């Protein structure tokens, strides 16, 4: 199966190979990824209300490996910017917008993952 004919927001094909082409393992890893993203967003919103920039950076860093696993470069770029902005003094308003944009991008990534799942199972 060729994965080079389309540009993806994320790529689960290598992860599928890593799972030894086991659909159950792949689905479990993707479920964990979804839970981690939801946990990140919930935690970041809570820390945003408390104006705790450093905790936002910490929870964003914990998500990084999961996004590397699916090669979600756009989301990784968002994490880089979020972590950078957490080091700035007056970044709370900008961080709120970044988190909204991250969530919107994640919805697109998730839709892309679902399309790739259909393609794998075809």
PDB file of N, CA and C in Angstrom:
ATOM      1  N   UNK A   1       0.851  -1.180   0.000  1.00  0.00           N
ATOM      2  CA  UNK A   1       0.000   0.000   0.000  1.00  0.00           C
ATOM      3  C   UNK A   1       0.891   1.235   0.000  1.00  0.00           C
ATOM      4  N   UNK A   2       0.694   2.088  -0.949  1.00  0.00           N
ATOM      5  CA  UNK A   2       1.476   3.304  -1.042  1.00  0.00           C
ATOM      6  C   UNK A   2       0.883   4.388  -0.160  1.00  0.00           C
ATOM      7  N   UNK A   3       1.756   5.044   0.594  1.00  0.00           N
ATOM      8  CA  UNK A   3       1.294   6.140   1.445  1.00  0.00           C
ATOM      9  C   UNK A   3       1.855   7.468   0.953  1.00  0.00           C
ATOM     10  N   UNK A   4       2.484   7.455  -0.217  1.00  0.00           N
ATOM     11  CA  UNK A   4       3.116   8.665  -0.711  1.00  0.00           C
ATOM     12  C   UNK A   4       2.235   9.442  -1.675  1.00  0.00           C
ATOM     13  N   UNK A   5       1.073   8.922  -2.026  1.00  0.00           N
ATOM     14  CA  UNK A   5       0.256   9.582  -3.026  1.00  0.00           C
ATOM     15  C   UNK A   5      -0.608  10.687  -2.445  1.00  0.00           C
ATOM     16  N   UNK A   6      -0.593  10.890  -1.157  1.00  0.00           N
ATOM     17  CA  UNK A   6      -1.410  11.918  -0.532  1.00  0.00           C
ATOM     18  C   UNK A   6      -0.660  12.491   0.666  1.00  0.00           C
ATOM     19  N   UNK A   7      -0.878  13.766   0.893  1.00  0.00           N
ATOM     20  CA  UNK A   7      -0.300  14.398   2.066  1.00  0.00           C
ATOM     21  C   UNK A   7      -1.296  14.293   3.206  1.00  0.00           C
ATOM     22  N   UNK A   8      -0.820  13.824   4.335  1.00  0.00           N
ATOM     23  CA  UNK A   8      -1.671  13.622   5.500  1.00  0.00           C
ATOM     24  C   UNK A   8      -1.302  14.603   6.604  1.00  0.00           C
ATOM     25  N   UNK A   9      -2.296  14.963   7.426  1.00  0.00           N
ATOM     26  CA  UNK A   9      -2.045  15.773   8.611  1.00  0.00           C
ATOM     27  C   UNK A   9      -1.376  14.915   9.687  1.00  0.00           C
ATOM     28  N   UNK A  10      -1.588  13.620   9.603  1.00  0.00           N
ATOM     29  CA  UNK A  10      -0.968  12.631  10.491  1.00  0.00           C
ATOM     30  C   UNK A  10      -0.779  11.381   9.652  1.00  0.00           C
ATOM     31  N   UNK A  11       0.056  10.477  10.130  1.00  0.00           N
ATOM     32  CA  UNK A  11       0.311   9.262   9.364  1.00  0.00           C
ATOM     33  C   UNK A  11       0.293   8.070  10.313  1.00  0.00           C
ATOM     34  N   UNK A  12      -0.703   7.212  10.158  1.00  0.00           N
ATOM     35  CA  UNK A  12      -0.795   6.046  11.030  1.00  0.00           C
ATOM     36  C   UNK A  12      -0.250   4.783  10.379  1.00  0.00           C
ATOM     37  N   UNK A  13       0.209   4.879   9.138  1.00  0.00           N
ATOM     38  CA  UNK A  13       0.661   3.683   8.430  1.00  0.00           C
ATOM     39  C   UNK A  13       1.901   3.069   9.073  1.00  0.00           C
ATOM     40  N   UNK A  14       2.860   3.890   9.487  1.00  0.00           N
ATOM     41  CA  UNK A  14       4.046   3.355  10.175  1.00  0.00           C
ATOM     42  C   UNK A  14       3.673   2.790  11.537  1.00  0.00           C
ATOM     43  N   UNK A  15       2.748   3.446  12.206  1.00  0.00           N
ATOM     44  CA  UNK A  15       2.277   2.955  13.500  1.00  0.00           C
ATOM     45  C   UNK A  15       1.600   1.594  13.328  1.00  0.00           C
ATOM     46  N   UNK A  16       0.850   1.440  12.261  1.00  0.00           N
ATOM     47  CA  UNK A  16       0.189   0.173  11.964  1.00  0.00           C
ATOM     48  C   UNK A  16       1.236  -0.924  11.755  1.00  0.00           C
ATOM     49  N   UNK A  17       2.304  -0.616  11.038  1.00  0.00           N
ATOM     50  CA  UNK A  17       3.389  -1.583  10.855  1.00  0.00           C
ATOM     51  C   UNK A  17       4.049  -1.905  12.196  1.00  0.00           C
ATOM     52  N   UNK A  18       4.243  -0.888  13.019  1.00  0.00           N
ATOM     53  CA  UNK A  18       4.825  -1.071  14.350  1.00  0.00           C
ATOM     54  C   UNK A  18       3.955  -2.005  15.189  1.00  0.00           C
ATOM     55  N   UNK A  19       2.645  -1.939  14.983  1.00  0.00           N
ATOM     56  CA  UNK A  19       1.699  -2.816  15.686  1.00  0.00           C
ATOM     57  C   UNK A  19       1.612  -4.190  15.037  1.00  0.00           C
ATOM     58  N   UNK A  20       2.521  -4.477  14.113  1.00  0.00           N
ATOM     59  CA  UNK A  20       2.557  -5.746  13.391  1.00  0.00           C
ATOM     60  C   UNK A  20       1.245  -6.000  12.647  1.00  0.00           C
ATOM     61  N   UNK A  21       0.706  -4.909  12.094  1.00  0.00           N
ATOM     62  CA  UNK A  21      -0.536  -4.952  11.322  1.00  0.00           C
ATOM     63  C   UNK A  21      -1.717  -5.504  12.110  1.00  0.00           C
ATOM     64  N   UNK A  22      -1.681  -5.309  13.406  1.00  0.00           N
ATOM     65  CA  UNK A  22      -2.774  -5.746  14.284  1.00  0.00           C
ATOM     66  C   UNK A  22      -3.726  -4.577  14.492  1.00  0.00           C
ATOM     67  N   UNK A  23      -4.939  -4.711  13.989  1.00  0.00           N
ATOM     68  CA  UNK A  23      -5.919  -3.634  14.053  1.00  0.00           C
ATOM     69  C   UNK A  23      -6.313  -3.296  15.487  1.00  0.00           C
ATOM     70  N   UNK A  24      -6.418  -4.296  16.338  1.00  0.00           N
ATOM     71  CA  UNK A  24      -6.797  -4.039  17.734  1.00  0.00           C
ATOM     72  C   UNK A  24      -5.753  -3.178  18.449  1.00  0.00           C
ATOM     73  N   UNK A  25      -4.485  -3.515  18.238  1.00  0.00           N
ATOM     74  CA  UNK A  25      -3.415  -2.726  18.868  1.00  0.00           C
ATOM     75  C   UNK A  25      -3.420  -1.293  18.343  1.00  0.00           C
ATOM     76  N   UNK A  26      -3.589  -1.150  17.045  1.00  0.00           N
ATOM     77  CA  UNK A  26      -3.627   0.185  16.461  1.00  0.00           C
ATOM     78  C   UNK A  26      -4.786   0.990  17.035  1.00  0.00           C
ATOM     79  N   UNK A  27      -5.953   0.376  17.095  1.00  0.00           N
ATOM     80  CA  UNK A  27      -7.124   1.075  17.623  1.00  0.00           C
ATOM     81  C   UNK A  27      -6.939   1.459  19.087  1.00  0.00           C
ATOM     82  N   UNK A  28      -6.292   0.602  19.854  1.00  0.00           N
ATOM     83  CA  UNK A  28      -6.033   0.900  21.267  1.00  0.00           C
ATOM     84  C   UNK A  28      -5.062   2.076  21.407  1.00  0.00           C
ATOM     85  N   UNK A  29      -4.018   2.095  20.588  1.00  0.00           N
ATOM     86  CA  UNK A  29      -3.073   3.213  20.636  1.00  0.00           C
ATOM     87  C   UNK A  29      -3.741   4.521  20.219  1.00  0.00           C
ATOM     88  N   UNK A  30      -4.593   4.464  19.219  1.00  0.00           N
ATOM     89  CA  UNK A  30      -5.285   5.676  18.782  1.00  0.00           C
ATOM     90  C   UNK A  30      -6.295   6.145  19.823  1.00  0.00           C
ATOM     91  N   UNK A  31      -6.904   5.210  20.527  1.00  0.00           N
ATOM     92  CA  UNK A  31      -7.818   5.572  21.614  1.00  0.00           C
ATOM     93  C   UNK A  31      -7.042   6.268  22.735  1.00  0.00           C
ATOM     94  N   UNK A  32      -5.873   5.750  23.063  1.00  0.00           N
ATOM     95  CA  UNK A  32      -5.021   6.383  24.082  1.00  0.00           C
ATOM     96  C   UNK A  32      -4.571   7.777  23.640  1.00  0.00           C
ATOM     97  N   UNK A  33      -4.251   7.913  22.365  1.00  0.00           N
ATOM     98  CA  UNK A  33      -3.873   9.212  21.835  1.00  0.00           C
ATOM     99  C   UNK A  33      -5.014  10.208  22.018  1.00  0.00           C
ATOM    100  N   UNK A  34      -6.220   9.788  21.662  1.00  0.00           N
ATOM    101  CA  UNK A  34      -7.385  10.669  21.796  1.00  0.00           C
ATOM    102  C   UNK A  34      -7.580  11.076  23.265  1.00  0.00           C
ATOM    103  N   UNK A  35      -7.426  10.131  24.167  1.00  0.00           N
ATOM    104  CA  UNK A  35      -7.568  10.436  25.593  1.00  0.00           C
ATOM    105  C   UNK A  35      -6.498  11.424  26.060  1.00  0.00           C
ATOM    106  N   UNK A  36      -5.279  11.261  25.569  1.00  0.00           N
ATOM    107  CA  UNK A  36      -4.198  12.175  25.954  1.00  0.00           C
ATOM    108  C   UNK A  36      -4.446  13.589  25.439  1.00  0.00           C
ATOM    109  N   UNK A  37      -4.966  13.688  24.227  1.00  0.00           N
ATOM    110  CA  UNK A  37      -5.271  15.015  23.687  1.00  0.00           C
ATOM    111  C   UNK A  37      -6.375  15.665  24.506  1.00  0.00           C
ATOM    112  N   UNK A  38      -7.418  14.898  24.827  1.00  0.00           N
ATOM    113  CA  UNK A  38      -8.509  15.443  25.643  1.00  0.00           C
ATOM    114  C   UNK A  38      -8.006  15.852  27.022  1.00  0.00           C
ATOM    115  N   UNK A  39      -7.141  15.044  27.605  1.00  0.00           N
ATOM    116  CA  UNK A  39      -6.555  15.375  28.912  1.00  0.00           C
ATOM    117  C   UNK A  39      -5.712  16.643  28.815  1.00  0.00           C
ATOM    118  N   UNK A  40      -4.934  16.756  27.749  1.00  0.00           N
ATOM    119  CA  UNK A  40      -4.123  17.957  27.543  1.00  0.00           C
ATOM    120  C   UNK A  40      -5.002  19.195  27.466  1.00  0.00           C
ATOM    121  N   UNK A  41      -6.049  19.129  26.645  1.00  0.00           N
ATOM    122  CA  UNK A  41      -6.921  20.296  26.481  1.00  0.00           C
ATOM    123  C   UNK A  41      -7.614  20.669  27.794  1.00  0.00           C
ATOM    124  N   UNK A  42      -8.096  19.686  28.522  1.00  0.00           N
ATOM    125  CA  UNK A  42      -8.761  19.968  29.801  1.00  0.00           C
ATOM    126  C   UNK A  42      -7.787  20.573  30.803  1.00  0.00           C
ATOM    127  N   UNK A  43      -6.608  20.004  30.904  1.00  0.00           N
ATOM    128  CA  UNK A  43      -5.598  20.513  31.838  1.00  0.00           C
ATOM    129  C   UNK A  43      -5.142  21.912  31.445  1.00  0.00           C
ATOM    130  N   UNK A  44      -4.903  22.108  30.155  1.00  0.00           N
ATOM    131  CA  UNK A  44      -4.433  23.412  29.690  1.00  0.00           C
ATOM    132  C   UNK A  44      -5.472  24.497  29.956  1.00  0.00           C
ATOM    133  N   UNK A  45      -6.739  24.171  29.755  1.00  0.00           N
ATOM    134  CA  UNK A  45      -7.798  25.159  30.042  1.00  0.00           C
ATOM    135  C   UNK A  45      -7.842  25.503  31.532  1.00  0.00           C
ATOM    136  N   UNK A  46      -7.681  24.491  32.368  1.00  0.00           N
ATOM    137  CA  UNK A  46      -7.682  24.722  33.812  1.00  0.00           C
ATOM    138  C   UNK A  46      -6.498  25.614  34.204  1.00  0.00           C
ATOM    139  N   UNK A  47      -5.317  25.302  33.684  1.00  0.00           N
ATOM    140  CA  UNK A  47      -4.132  26.096  33.992  1.00  0.00           C
ATOM    141  C   UNK A  47      -4.227  27.500  33.393  1.00  0.00           C
ATOM    142  N   UNK A  48      -4.912  27.606  32.265  1.00  0.00           N
ATOM    143  CA  UNK A  48      -5.102  28.919  31.653  1.00  0.00           C
ATOM    144  C   UNK A  48      -5.939  29.819  32.562  1.00  0.00           C
ATOM    145  N   UNK A  49      -6.985  29.253  33.155  1.00  0.00           N
ATOM    146  CA  UNK A  49      -7.804  30.023  34.097  1.00  0.00           C
ATOM    147  C   UNK A  49      -6.997  30.471  35.302  1.00  0.00           C
ATOM    148  N   UNK A  50      -6.068  29.613  35.727  1.00  0.00           N
ATOM    149  CA  UNK A  50      -5.210  29.942  36.868  1.00  0.00           C
ATOM    150  C   UNK A  50      -4.013  30.800  36.454  1.00  0.00           C
ATOM    151  N   UNK A  51      -3.892  31.066  35.146  1.00  0.00           N
ATOM    152  CA  UNK A  51      -2.777  31.847  34.582  1.00  0.00           C
ATOM    153  C   UNK A  51      -1.427  31.220  34.915  1.00  0.00           C
ATOM    154  N   UNK A  52      -1.410  29.893  34.873  1.00  0.00           N
ATOM    155  CA  UNK A  52      -0.207  29.112  35.174  1.00  0.00           C
ATOM    156  C   UNK A  52       0.432  28.652  33.863  1.00  0.00           C
ATOM    157  N   UNK A  53       1.242  29.532  33.277  1.00  0.00           N
ATOM    158  CA  UNK A  53       1.866  29.259  31.981  1.00  0.00           C
ATOM    159  C   UNK A  53       2.814  28.067  32.049  1.00  0.00           C
ATOM    160  N   UNK A  54       3.491  27.907  33.154  1.00  0.00           N
ATOM    161  CA  UNK A  54       4.497  26.853  33.250  1.00  0.00           C
ATOM    162  C   UNK A  54       3.859  25.460  33.272  1.00  0.00           C
ATOM    163  N   UNK A  55       2.698  25.340  33.896  1.00  0.00           N
ATOM    164  CA  UNK A  55       2.003  24.049  33.900  1.00  0.00           C
ATOM    165  C   UNK A  55       1.448  23.724  32.522  1.00  0.00           C
ATOM    166  N   UNK A  56       1.042  24.735  31.777  1.00  0.00           N
ATOM    167  CA  UNK A  56       0.588  24.503  30.397  1.00  0.00           C
ATOM    168  C   UNK A  56       1.741  23.939  29.574  1.00  0.00           C
ATOM    169  N   UNK A  57       2.917  24.509  29.728  1.00  0.00           N
ATOM    170  CA  UNK A  57       4.095  24.008  29.006  1.00  0.00           C
ATOM    171  C   UNK A  57       4.395  22.567  29.397  1.00  0.00           C
ATOM    172  N   UNK A  58       4.243  22.261  30.673  1.00  0.00           N
ATOM    173  CA  UNK A  58       4.527  20.906  31.155  1.00  0.00           C
ATOM    174  C   UNK A  58       3.561  19.883  30.552  1.00  0.00           C
ATOM    175  N   UNK A  59       2.249  20.197  30.530  1.00  0.00           N
ATOM    176  CA  UNK A  59       1.295  19.227  29.981  1.00  0.00           C
ATOM    177  C   UNK A  59       1.414  19.132  28.465  1.00  0.00           C
ATOM    178  N   UNK A  60       1.830  20.216  27.825  1.00  0.00           N
ATOM    179  CA  UNK A  60       2.006  20.129  26.368  1.00  0.00           C
ATOM    180  C   UNK A  60       3.201  19.243  26.033  1.00  0.00           C
ATOM    181  N   UNK A  61       4.227  19.312  26.861  1.00  0.00           N
ATOM    182  CA  UNK A  61       5.413  18.481  26.619  1.00  0.00           C
ATOM    183  C   UNK A  61       5.083  16.984  26.762  1.00  0.00           C
ATOM    184  N   UNK A  62       4.181  16.655  27.677  1.00  0.00           N
ATOM    185  CA  UNK A  62       3.803  15.244  27.874  1.00  0.00           C
ATOM    186  C   UNK A  62       3.077  14.681  26.664  1.00  0.00           C
ATOM    187  N   UNK A  63       2.433  15.529  25.878  1.00  0.00           N
ATOM    188  CA  UNK A  63       1.683  15.076  24.705  1.00  0.00           C
ATOM    189  C   UNK A  63       2.581  14.843  23.494  1.00  0.00           C
ATOM    190  N   UNK A  64       3.758  15.419  23.525  1.00  0.00           N
ATOM    191  CA  UNK A  64       4.639  15.412  22.359  1.00  0.00           C
ATOM    192  C   UNK A  64       4.925  14.008  21.802  1.00  0.00           C
ATOM    193  N   UNK A  65       5.268  13.047  22.637  1.00  0.00           N
ATOM    194  CA  UNK A  65       5.604  11.713  22.148  1.00  0.00           C
ATOM    195  C   UNK A  65       4.436  11.043  21.442  1.00  0.00           C
ATOM    196  N   UNK A  66       3.239  11.273  21.931  1.00  0.00           N
ATOM    197  CA  UNK A  66       2.065  10.693  21.292  1.00  0.00           C
ATOM    198  C   UNK A  66       1.869  11.264  19.885  1.00  0.00           C
ATOM    199  N   UNK A  67       2.118  12.548  19.734  1.00  0.00           N
ATOM    200  CA  UNK A  67       1.966  13.167  18.420  1.00  0.00           C
ATOM    201  C   UNK A  67       3.099  12.783  17.478  1.00  0.00           C
ATOM    202  N   UNK A  68       4.275  12.557  18.034  1.00  0.00           N
ATOM    203  CA  UNK A  68       5.383  12.059  17.212  1.00  0.00           C
ATOM    204  C   UNK A  68       5.069  10.677  16.657  1.00  0.00           C
ATOM    205  N   UNK A  69       4.368   9.894  17.439  1.00  0.00           N
ATOM    206  CA  UNK A  69       4.014   8.528  17.058  1.00  0.00           C
ATOM    207  C   UNK A  69       3.176   8.505  15.774  1.00  0.00           C
ATOM    208  N   UNK A  70       2.343   9.503  15.569  1.00  0.00           N
ATOM    209  CA  UNK A  70       1.498   9.545  14.373  1.00  0.00           C
ATOM    210  C   UNK A  70       1.968  10.606  13.372  1.00  0.00           C
ATOM    211  N   UNK A  71       3.128  11.182  13.624  1.00  0.00           N
ATOM    212  CA  UNK A  71       3.723  12.165  12.724  1.00  0.00           C
ATOM    213  C   UNK A  71       2.778  13.337  12.449  1.00  0.00           C
ATOM    214  N   UNK A  72       2.149  13.858  13.491  1.00  0.00           N
ATOM    215  CA  UNK A  72       1.218  14.988  13.367  1.00  0.00           C
ATOM    216  C   UNK A  72       2.011  16.285  13.433  1.00  0.00           C
ATOM    217  N   UNK A  73       2.645  16.640  12.335  1.00  0.00           N
ATOM    218  CA  UNK A  73       3.572  17.769  12.313  1.00  0.00           C
ATOM    219  C   UNK A  73       2.890  19.098  12.635  1.00  0.00           C
ATOM    220  N   UNK A  74       1.675  19.295  12.159  1.00  0.00           N
ATOM    221  CA  UNK A  74       0.960  20.538  12.452  1.00  0.00           C
ATOM    222  C   UNK A  74       0.699  20.697  13.942  1.00  0.00           C
ATOM    223  N   UNK A  75       0.262  19.624  14.578  1.00  0.00           N
ATOM    224  CA  UNK A  75       0.011  19.673  16.021  1.00  0.00           C
ATOM    225  C   UNK A  75       1.307  19.847  16.805  1.00  0.00           C
ATOM    226  N   UNK A  76       2.371  19.224  16.327  1.00  0.00           N
ATOM    227  CA  UNK A  76       3.676  19.398  16.977  1.00  0.00           C
ATOM    228  C   UNK A  76       4.148  20.846  16.867  1.00  0.00           C
ATOM    229  N   UNK A  77       3.877  21.478  15.718  1.00  0.00           N
ATOM    230  CA  UNK A  77       4.215  22.898  15.572  1.00  0.00           C
ATOM    231  C   UNK A  77       3.442  23.740  16.575  1.00  0.00           C
ATOM    232  N   UNK A  78       2.157  23.416  16.768  1.00  0.00           N
ATOM    233  CA  UNK A  78       1.367  24.126  17.768  1.00  0.00           C
ATOM    234  C   UNK A  78       1.982  23.966  19.155  1.00  0.00           C
ATOM    235  N   UNK A  79       2.409  22.747  19.490  1.00  0.00           N
ATOM    236  CA  UNK A  79       3.023  22.535  20.804  1.00  0.00           C
ATOM    237  C   UNK A  79       4.295  23.361  20.961  1.00  0.00           C
ATOM    238  N   UNK A  80       5.094  23.442  19.895  1.00  0.00           N
ATOM    239  CA  UNK A  80       6.311  24.268  19.956  1.00  0.00           C
ATOM    240  C   UNK A  80       5.964  25.719  20.266  1.00  0.00           C
ATOM    241  N   UNK A  81       4.956  26.237  19.576  1.00  0.00           N
ATOM    242  CA  UNK A  81       4.562  27.635  19.783  1.00  0.00           C
ATOM    243  C   UNK A  81       3.974  27.825  21.182  1.00  0.00           C
ATOM    244  N   UNK A  82       3.145  26.885  21.612  1.00  0.00           N
ATOM    245  CA  UNK A  82       2.554  26.974  22.953  1.00  0.00           C
ATOM    246  C   UNK A  82       3.645  26.985  24.014  1.00  0.00           C
ATOM    247  N   UNK A  83       4.604  26.068  23.893  1.00  0.00           N
ATOM    248  CA  UNK A  83       5.686  26.017  24.871  1.00  0.00           C
ATOM    249  C   UNK A  83       6.514  27.301  24.849  1.00  0.00           C
ATOM    250  N   UNK A  84       6.745  27.844  23.664  1.00  0.00           N
ATOM    251  CA  UNK A  84       7.490  29.099  23.564  1.00  0.00           C
ATOM    252  C   UNK A  84       6.707  30.241  24.216  1.00  0.00           C
ATOM    253  N   UNK A  85       5.421  30.320  23.938  1.00  0.00           N
ATOM    254  CA  UNK A  85       4.604  31.400  24.490  1.00  0.00           C
ATOM    255  C   UNK A  85       4.458  31.285  26.002  1.00  0.00           C
ATOM    256  N   UNK A  86       4.554  30.090  26.524  1.00  0.00           N
ATOM    257  CA  UNK A  86       4.475  29.909  27.980  1.00  0.00           C
ATOM    258  C   UNK A  86       5.672  30.536  28.684  1.00  0.00           C
ATOM    259  N   UNK A  87       6.728  30.799  27.959  1.00  0.00           N
ATOM    260  CA  UNK A  87       7.908  31.433  28.535  1.00  0.00           C
ATOM    261  C   UNK A  87       7.815  32.954  28.509  1.00  0.00           C
ATOM    262  N   UNK A  88       6.795  33.494  27.829  1.00  0.00           N
ATOM    263  CA  UNK A  88       6.609  34.942  27.724  1.00  0.00           C
ATOM    264  C   UNK A  88       5.725  35.426  28.874  1.00  0.00           C
ATOM    265  N   UNK A  89       5.870  36.651  29.262  1.00  0.00           N
ATOM    266  CA  UNK A  89       5.124  37.169  30.410  1.00  0.00           C
ATOM    267  C   UNK A  89       3.663  37.477  30.100  1.00  0.00           C
ATOM    268  N   UNK A  90       3.384  38.105  28.982  1.00  0.00           N
ATOM    269  CA  UNK A  90       2.024  38.525  28.663  1.00  0.00           C
ATOM    270  C   UNK A  90       1.433  37.680  27.540  1.00  0.00           C
ATOM    271  N   UNK A  91       1.343  36.391  27.751  1.00  0.00           N
ATOM    272  CA  UNK A  91       0.928  35.502  26.663  1.00  0.00           C
ATOM    273  C   UNK A  91      -0.390  34.789  26.927  1.00  0.00           C
ATOM    274  N   UNK A  92      -1.073  35.091  27.998  1.00  0.00           N
ATOM    275  CA  UNK A  92      -2.281  34.339  28.365  1.00  0.00           C
ATOM    276  C   UNK A  92      -3.356  34.425  27.287  1.00  0.00           C
ATOM    277  N   UNK A  93      -3.622  35.618  26.764  1.00  0.00           N
ATOM    278  CA  UNK A  93      -4.655  35.773  25.733  1.00  0.00           C
ATOM    279  C   UNK A  93      -4.253  35.012  24.464  1.00  0.00           C
ATOM    280  N   UNK A  94      -3.002  35.115  24.090  1.00  0.00           N
ATOM    281  CA  UNK A  94      -2.511  34.415  22.910  1.00  0.00           C
ATOM    282  C   UNK A  94      -2.552  32.898  23.128  1.00  0.00           C
ATOM    283  N   UNK A  95      -2.245  32.441  24.327  1.00  0.00           N
ATOM    284  CA  UNK A  95      -2.301  31.010  24.630  1.00  0.00           C
ATOM    285  C   UNK A  95      -3.719  30.470  24.484  1.00  0.00           C
ATOM    286  N   UNK A  96      -4.694  31.258  24.890  1.00  0.00           N
ATOM    287  CA  UNK A  96      -6.088  30.830  24.753  1.00  0.00           C
ATOM    288  C   UNK A  96      -6.431  30.594  23.283  1.00  0.00           C
ATOM    289  N   UNK A  97      -6.018  31.495  22.424  1.00  0.00           N
ATOM    290  CA  UNK A  97      -6.256  31.359  20.979  1.00  0.00           C
ATOM    291  C   UNK A  97      -5.491  30.161  20.421  1.00  0.00           C
ATOM    292  N   UNK A  98      -4.265  29.964  20.857  1.00  0.00           N
ATOM    293  CA  UNK A  98      -3.477  28.820  20.396  1.00  0.00           C
ATOM    294  C   UNK A  98      -4.140  27.495  20.763  1.00  0.00           C
ATOM    295  N   UNK A  99      -4.692  27.411  21.959  1.00  0.00           N
ATOM    296  CA  UNK A  99      -5.368  26.182  22.379  1.00  0.00           C
ATOM    297  C   UNK A  99      -6.620  25.932  21.541  1.00  0.00           C
ATOM    298  N   UNK A 100      -7.354  26.997  21.219  1.00  0.00           N
ATOM    299  CA  UNK A 100      -8.521  26.850  20.341  1.00  0.00           C
ATOM    300  C   UNK A 100      -8.097  26.359  18.962  1.00  0.00           C
ATOM    301  N   UNK A 101      -7.024  26.936  18.433  1.00  0.00           N
ATOM    302  CA  UNK A 101      -6.518  26.524  17.123  1.00  0.00           C
ATOM    303  C   UNK A 101      -5.984  25.093  17.157  1.00  0.00           C
ATOM    304  N   UNK A 102      -5.328  24.724  18.259  1.00  0.00           N
ATOM    305  CA  UNK A 102      -4.844  23.356  18.423  1.00  0.00           C
ATOM    306  C   UNK A 102      -6.020  22.385  18.363  1.00  0.00           C
ATOM    307  N   UNK A 103      -7.086  22.708  19.079  1.00  0.00           N
ATOM    308  CA  UNK A 103      -8.256  21.834  19.107  1.00  0.00           C
ATOM    309  C   UNK A 103      -8.879  21.713  17.712  1.00  0.00           C
ATOM    310  N   UNK A 104      -8.966  22.807  16.985  1.00  0.00           N
ATOM    311  CA  UNK A 104      -9.508  22.768  15.623  1.00  0.00           C
ATOM    312  C   UNK A 104      -8.632  21.906  14.716  1.00  0.00           C
ATOM    313  N   UNK A 105      -7.324  22.052  14.834  1.00  0.00           N
ATOM    314  CA  UNK A 105      -6.407  21.240  14.029  1.00  0.00           C
ATOM    315  C   UNK A 105      -6.521  19.764  14.419  1.00  0.00           C
ATOM    316  N   UNK A 106      -6.691  19.491  15.706  1.00  0.00           N
ATOM    317  CA  UNK A 106      -6.824  18.095  16.132  1.00  0.00           C
ATOM    318  C   UNK A 106      -8.067  17.453  15.519  1.00  0.00           C
ATOM    319  N   UNK A 107      -9.140  18.198  15.408  1.00  0.00           N
ATOM    320  CA  UNK A 107     -10.350  17.654  14.783  1.00  0.00           C
ATOM    321  C   UNK A 107     -10.077  17.266  13.331  1.00  0.00           C
ATOM    322  N   UNK A 108      -9.289  18.070  12.630  1.00  0.00           N
ATOM    323  CA  UNK A 108      -8.915  17.742  11.250  1.00  0.00           C
ATOM    324  C   UNK A 108      -7.996  16.525  11.206  1.00  0.00           C
ATOM    325  N   UNK A 109      -7.067  16.465  12.141  1.00  0.00           N
ATOM    326  CA  UNK A 109      -6.164  15.306  12.227  1.00  0.00           C
ATOM    327  C   UNK A 109      -6.965  14.038  12.510  1.00  0.00           C
ATOM    328  N   UNK A 110      -7.901  14.126  13.432  1.00  0.00           N
ATOM    329  CA  UNK A 110      -8.723  12.970  13.771  1.00  0.00           C
ATOM    330  C   UNK A 110      -9.531  12.496  12.567  1.00  0.00           C
ATOM    331  N   UNK A 111     -10.077  13.429  11.806  1.00  0.00           N
ATOM    332  CA  UNK A 111     -10.825  13.062  10.593  1.00  0.00           C
ATOM    333  C   UNK A 111      -9.896  12.376   9.586  1.00  0.00           C
ATOM    334  N   UNK A 112      -8.675  12.878   9.475  1.00  0.00           N
ATOM    335  CA  UNK A 112      -7.688  12.278   8.585  1.00  0.00           C
ATOM    336  C   UNK A 112      -7.336  10.862   9.046  1.00  0.00           C
ATOM    337  N   UNK A 113      -7.192  10.687  10.347  1.00  0.00           N
ATOM    338  CA  UNK A 113      -6.896   9.355  10.891  1.00  0.00           C
ATOM    339  C   UNK A 113      -8.029   8.392  10.567  1.00  0.00           C
ATOM    340  N   UNK A 114      -9.255   8.847  10.705  1.00  0.00           N
ATOM    341  CA  UNK A 114     -10.409   7.987  10.392  1.00  0.00           C
ATOM    342  C   UNK A 114     -10.395   7.574   8.920  1.00  0.00           C
ATOM    343  N   UNK A 115     -10.023   8.487   8.027  1.00  0.00           N
ATOM    344  CA  UNK A 115      -9.926   8.150   6.606  1.00  0.00           C
ATOM    345  C   UNK A 115      -8.813   7.128   6.371  1.00  0.00           C
ATOM    346  N   UNK A 116      -7.701   7.287   7.056  1.00  0.00           N
ATOM    347  CA  UNK A 116      -6.618   6.332   6.918  1.00  0.00           C
ATOM    348  C   UNK A 116      -7.017   4.952   7.452  1.00  0.00           C
ATOM    349  N   UNK A 117      -7.790   4.941   8.540  1.00  0.00           N
ATOM    350  CA  UNK A 117      -8.276   3.660   9.087  1.00  0.00           C
ATOM    351  C   UNK A 117      -9.135   2.936   8.049  1.00  0.00           C
ATOM    352  N   UNK A 118     -10.020   3.672   7.406  1.00  0.00           N
ATOM    353  CA  UNK A 118     -10.869   3.082   6.360  1.00  0.00           C
ATOM    354  C   UNK A 118     -10.005   2.525   5.232  1.00  0.00           C
ATOM    355  N   UNK A 119      -8.980   3.268   4.894  1.00  0.00           N
ATOM    356  CA  UNK A 119      -8.092   2.826   3.818  1.00  0.00           C
ATOM    357  C   UNK A 119      -7.328   1.553   4.210  1.00  0.00           C
ATOM    358  N   UNK A 120      -6.895   1.500   5.473  1.00  0.00           N
ATOM    359  CA  UNK A 120      -6.192   0.300   5.951  1.00  0.00           C
ATOM    360  C   UNK A 120      -7.092  -0.930   5.950  1.00  0.00           C
ATOM    361  N   UNK A 121      -8.341  -0.729   6.283  1.00  0.00           N
ATOM    362  CA  UNK A 121      -9.261  -1.855   6.431  1.00  0.00           C
ATOM    363  C   UNK A 121      -9.951  -2.235   5.139  1.00  0.00           C
ATOM    364  N   UNK A 122      -9.692  -1.484   4.079  1.00  0.00           N
ATOM    365  CA  UNK A 122     -10.341  -1.781   2.785  1.00  0.00           C
ATOM    366  C   UNK A 122      -9.771  -3.014   2.140  1.00  0.00           C
TER     367      UNK A 122
END
